[in-house]
């Protein structure tokens, strides 16, 4: 079973390797690859990497909050 975090990471990895979305569209992997090819603009790599990490953290925290809010075991008591 695949989660949103692994799907985002796979999409970025495929874009970095050149197997992502077609050329006129931007992706995090393509931004990382273009930024690493020309290190004179290091802000491209830094901003793409930061956006990817922040998005993955937000998806994780929101998913954990939703899971905890709707967890049926939290309100179950056994005698």
N, C-alpha and C. Protein backbone atom coordinates (compact mmCIF):
# COMPACT_ATOMS: atom_id res chain seq x y z
N UNK A 1 0.85 -1.17 0.00
CA UNK A 1 0.00 0.00 0.00
C UNK A 1 0.90 1.24 0.00
N UNK A 2 0.53 2.18 -0.80
CA UNK A 2 1.34 3.38 -0.98
C UNK A 2 0.71 4.55 -0.24
N UNK A 3 1.55 5.38 0.36
CA UNK A 3 1.03 6.55 1.05
C UNK A 3 1.35 7.79 0.22
N UNK A 4 0.78 8.90 0.64
CA UNK A 4 0.99 10.17 -0.08
C UNK A 4 2.46 10.58 -0.02
N UNK A 5 3.11 10.35 1.11
CA UNK A 5 4.52 10.73 1.24
C UNK A 5 5.40 9.94 0.28
N UNK A 6 5.18 8.65 0.18
CA UNK A 6 6.01 7.86 -0.72
C UNK A 6 5.71 8.21 -2.18
N UNK A 7 4.46 8.53 -2.48
CA UNK A 7 4.13 8.93 -3.85
C UNK A 7 4.81 10.24 -4.23
N UNK A 8 4.83 11.20 -3.31
CA UNK A 8 5.51 12.47 -3.58
C UNK A 8 7.01 12.27 -3.72
N UNK A 9 7.58 11.44 -2.87
CA UNK A 9 9.02 11.19 -2.96
C UNK A 9 9.37 10.45 -4.25
N UNK A 10 8.53 9.50 -4.66
CA UNK A 10 8.78 8.78 -5.91
C UNK A 10 8.66 9.72 -7.11
N UNK A 11 7.67 10.61 -7.08
CA UNK A 11 7.50 11.56 -8.16
C UNK A 11 8.71 12.49 -8.27
N UNK A 12 9.22 12.95 -7.14
CA UNK A 12 10.41 13.81 -7.16
C UNK A 12 11.64 13.04 -7.64
N UNK A 13 11.78 11.78 -7.22
CA UNK A 13 12.92 10.98 -7.65
C UNK A 13 12.87 10.71 -9.15
N UNK A 14 11.69 10.39 -9.66
CA UNK A 14 11.56 10.14 -11.10
C UNK A 14 11.82 11.41 -11.90
N UNK A 15 11.35 12.55 -11.40
CA UNK A 15 11.62 13.81 -12.07
C UNK A 15 13.10 14.16 -12.07
N UNK A 16 13.78 13.84 -10.98
CA UNK A 16 15.22 14.10 -10.89
C UNK A 16 15.99 13.25 -11.90
N UNK A 17 15.54 12.01 -12.07
CA UNK A 17 16.21 11.11 -13.00
C UNK A 17 15.83 11.35 -14.46
N UNK A 18 14.82 12.20 -14.68
CA UNK A 18 14.41 12.51 -16.04
C UNK A 18 13.22 11.72 -16.54
N UNK A 19 12.60 10.94 -15.67
CA UNK A 19 11.45 10.11 -16.06
C UNK A 19 10.14 10.66 -15.54
N UNK A 20 10.10 11.91 -15.16
CA UNK A 20 8.91 12.51 -14.58
C UNK A 20 7.96 13.07 -15.63
N UNK A 21 7.33 14.16 -15.29
CA UNK A 21 6.38 14.80 -16.19
C UNK A 21 7.11 15.39 -17.40
N UNK A 22 6.40 15.61 -18.52
CA UNK A 22 7.06 16.14 -19.72
C UNK A 22 7.69 17.52 -19.50
N UNK A 23 8.51 17.93 -20.46
CA UNK A 23 9.36 19.11 -20.35
C UNK A 23 8.65 20.44 -20.05
N UNK A 24 7.51 20.78 -20.61
CA UNK A 24 6.99 22.12 -20.31
C UNK A 24 6.45 22.26 -18.88
N UNK A 25 6.30 21.17 -18.17
CA UNK A 25 5.75 21.22 -16.81
C UNK A 25 6.88 21.16 -15.78
N UNK A 26 6.70 21.87 -14.71
CA UNK A 26 7.71 21.88 -13.65
C UNK A 26 7.41 20.79 -12.62
N UNK A 27 8.46 20.24 -12.05
CA UNK A 27 8.31 19.29 -10.95
C UNK A 27 9.49 19.51 -10.01
N UNK A 28 9.35 19.00 -8.79
CA UNK A 28 10.42 19.18 -7.81
C UNK A 28 11.69 18.48 -8.26
N UNK A 29 11.54 17.31 -8.83
CA UNK A 29 12.73 16.58 -9.30
C UNK A 29 13.45 17.31 -10.41
N UNK A 30 12.68 17.90 -11.34
CA UNK A 30 13.30 18.65 -12.44
C UNK A 30 13.99 19.90 -11.91
N UNK A 31 13.38 20.57 -10.92
CA UNK A 31 14.03 21.74 -10.32
C UNK A 31 15.33 21.36 -9.62
N UNK A 32 15.32 20.24 -8.91
CA UNK A 32 16.54 19.78 -8.25
C UNK A 32 17.62 19.45 -9.27
N UNK A 33 17.24 18.77 -10.33
CA UNK A 33 18.21 18.40 -11.36
C UNK A 33 18.77 19.63 -12.06
N UNK A 34 17.91 20.57 -12.43
CA UNK A 34 18.39 21.79 -13.09
C UNK A 34 19.26 22.63 -12.15
N UNK A 35 18.88 22.68 -10.89
CA UNK A 35 19.67 23.46 -9.94
C UNK A 35 21.03 22.84 -9.67
N UNK A 36 21.09 21.52 -9.60
CA UNK A 36 22.38 20.86 -9.38
C UNK A 36 23.26 20.91 -10.62
N UNK A 37 22.66 21.03 -11.79
CA UNK A 37 23.46 21.14 -13.01
C UNK A 37 24.16 22.50 -13.09
N UNK A 38 23.53 23.54 -12.52
CA UNK A 38 24.10 24.88 -12.55
C UNK A 38 24.12 25.40 -11.11
N UNK A 39 25.22 25.17 -10.41
CA UNK A 39 25.28 25.52 -8.99
C UNK A 39 25.51 27.00 -8.74
N UNK A 40 25.56 27.81 -9.80
CA UNK A 40 25.68 29.26 -9.58
C UNK A 40 24.39 29.82 -9.01
N UNK A 41 23.29 29.13 -9.21
CA UNK A 41 22.00 29.53 -8.63
C UNK A 41 21.59 28.48 -7.60
N UNK A 42 22.26 28.50 -6.46
CA UNK A 42 22.00 27.49 -5.44
C UNK A 42 20.63 27.67 -4.78
N UNK A 43 20.02 28.83 -4.95
CA UNK A 43 18.71 29.06 -4.35
C UNK A 43 17.65 28.17 -5.00
N UNK A 44 17.87 27.73 -6.24
CA UNK A 44 16.90 26.84 -6.90
C UNK A 44 16.85 25.50 -6.18
N UNK A 45 18.00 24.94 -5.89
CA UNK A 45 18.06 23.66 -5.19
C UNK A 45 17.54 23.81 -3.77
N UNK A 46 17.95 24.87 -3.10
CA UNK A 46 17.54 25.08 -1.72
C UNK A 46 16.04 25.27 -1.61
N UNK A 47 15.45 26.06 -2.48
CA UNK A 47 14.00 26.29 -2.39
C UNK A 47 13.20 25.05 -2.76
N UNK A 48 13.64 24.31 -3.79
CA UNK A 48 12.92 23.10 -4.17
C UNK A 48 13.02 22.04 -3.08
N UNK A 49 14.21 21.87 -2.52
CA UNK A 49 14.39 20.89 -1.45
C UNK A 49 13.60 21.28 -0.20
N UNK A 50 13.61 22.55 0.16
CA UNK A 50 12.87 23.02 1.33
C UNK A 50 11.37 22.83 1.13
N UNK A 51 10.87 23.16 -0.05
CA UNK A 51 9.44 22.98 -0.32
C UNK A 51 9.05 21.51 -0.26
N UNK A 52 9.89 20.64 -0.77
CA UNK A 52 9.61 19.21 -0.73
C UNK A 52 9.59 18.69 0.70
N UNK A 53 10.56 19.06 1.50
CA UNK A 53 10.62 18.61 2.89
C UNK A 53 9.45 19.15 3.70
N UNK A 54 9.12 20.42 3.54
CA UNK A 54 8.00 21.02 4.27
C UNK A 54 6.69 20.35 3.88
N UNK A 55 6.49 20.08 2.59
CA UNK A 55 5.27 19.42 2.15
C UNK A 55 5.17 18.01 2.71
N UNK A 56 6.27 17.26 2.70
CA UNK A 56 6.24 15.91 3.25
C UNK A 56 5.97 15.92 4.75
N UNK A 57 6.53 16.88 5.47
CA UNK A 57 6.26 16.98 6.90
C UNK A 57 4.81 17.35 7.17
N UNK A 58 4.27 18.28 6.40
CA UNK A 58 2.87 18.67 6.59
C UNK A 58 1.92 17.51 6.29
N UNK A 59 2.18 16.77 5.25
CA UNK A 59 1.33 15.62 4.93
C UNK A 59 1.41 14.59 6.05
N UNK A 60 2.59 14.36 6.59
CA UNK A 60 2.75 13.41 7.69
C UNK A 60 1.99 13.87 8.93
N UNK A 61 2.16 15.12 9.33
CA UNK A 61 1.50 15.62 10.53
C UNK A 61 0.00 15.67 10.38
N UNK A 62 -0.49 16.08 9.23
CA UNK A 62 -1.94 16.12 9.01
C UNK A 62 -2.51 14.70 9.00
N UNK A 63 -1.82 13.77 8.37
CA UNK A 63 -2.28 12.38 8.37
C UNK A 63 -2.31 11.78 9.76
N UNK A 64 -1.28 12.06 10.55
CA UNK A 64 -1.27 11.57 11.92
C UNK A 64 -2.38 12.19 12.76
N UNK A 65 -2.65 13.48 12.55
CA UNK A 65 -3.72 14.14 13.30
C UNK A 65 -5.09 13.57 12.94
N UNK A 66 -5.30 13.31 11.66
CA UNK A 66 -6.57 12.72 11.24
C UNK A 66 -6.71 11.31 11.78
N UNK A 67 -5.63 10.53 11.73
CA UNK A 67 -5.69 9.17 12.25
C UNK A 67 -5.99 9.17 13.75
N UNK A 68 -5.37 10.06 14.48
CA UNK A 68 -5.58 10.12 15.91
C UNK A 68 -6.98 10.62 16.26
N UNK A 69 -7.51 11.54 15.47
CA UNK A 69 -8.84 12.08 15.75
C UNK A 69 -9.93 11.04 15.53
N UNK A 70 -9.74 10.17 14.55
CA UNK A 70 -10.77 9.19 14.23
C UNK A 70 -10.41 7.77 14.66
N UNK A 71 -9.47 7.63 15.58
CA UNK A 71 -9.04 6.32 16.05
C UNK A 71 -10.11 5.73 16.96
N UNK A 72 -10.72 4.61 16.58
CA UNK A 72 -11.78 4.03 17.43
C UNK A 72 -11.24 3.42 18.71
N UNK A 73 -9.98 3.04 18.75
CA UNK A 73 -9.41 2.44 19.95
C UNK A 73 -9.21 3.46 21.06
N UNK A 74 -9.18 4.71 20.71
CA UNK A 74 -8.94 5.76 21.70
C UNK A 74 -10.10 5.86 22.69
N UNK A 75 -11.31 5.61 22.22
CA UNK A 75 -12.48 5.77 23.06
C UNK A 75 -13.05 4.46 23.55
N UNK A 76 -12.37 3.36 23.30
CA UNK A 76 -12.84 2.05 23.71
C UNK A 76 -12.22 1.69 25.06
N UNK A 77 -13.06 1.25 25.97
CA UNK A 77 -12.57 0.79 27.27
C UNK A 77 -12.99 -0.66 27.45
N UNK A 78 -12.08 -1.46 27.96
CA UNK A 78 -12.35 -2.88 28.20
C UNK A 78 -12.42 -3.11 29.69
N UNK A 79 -13.34 -4.00 30.07
CA UNK A 79 -13.48 -4.34 31.50
C UNK A 79 -12.99 -5.72 31.75
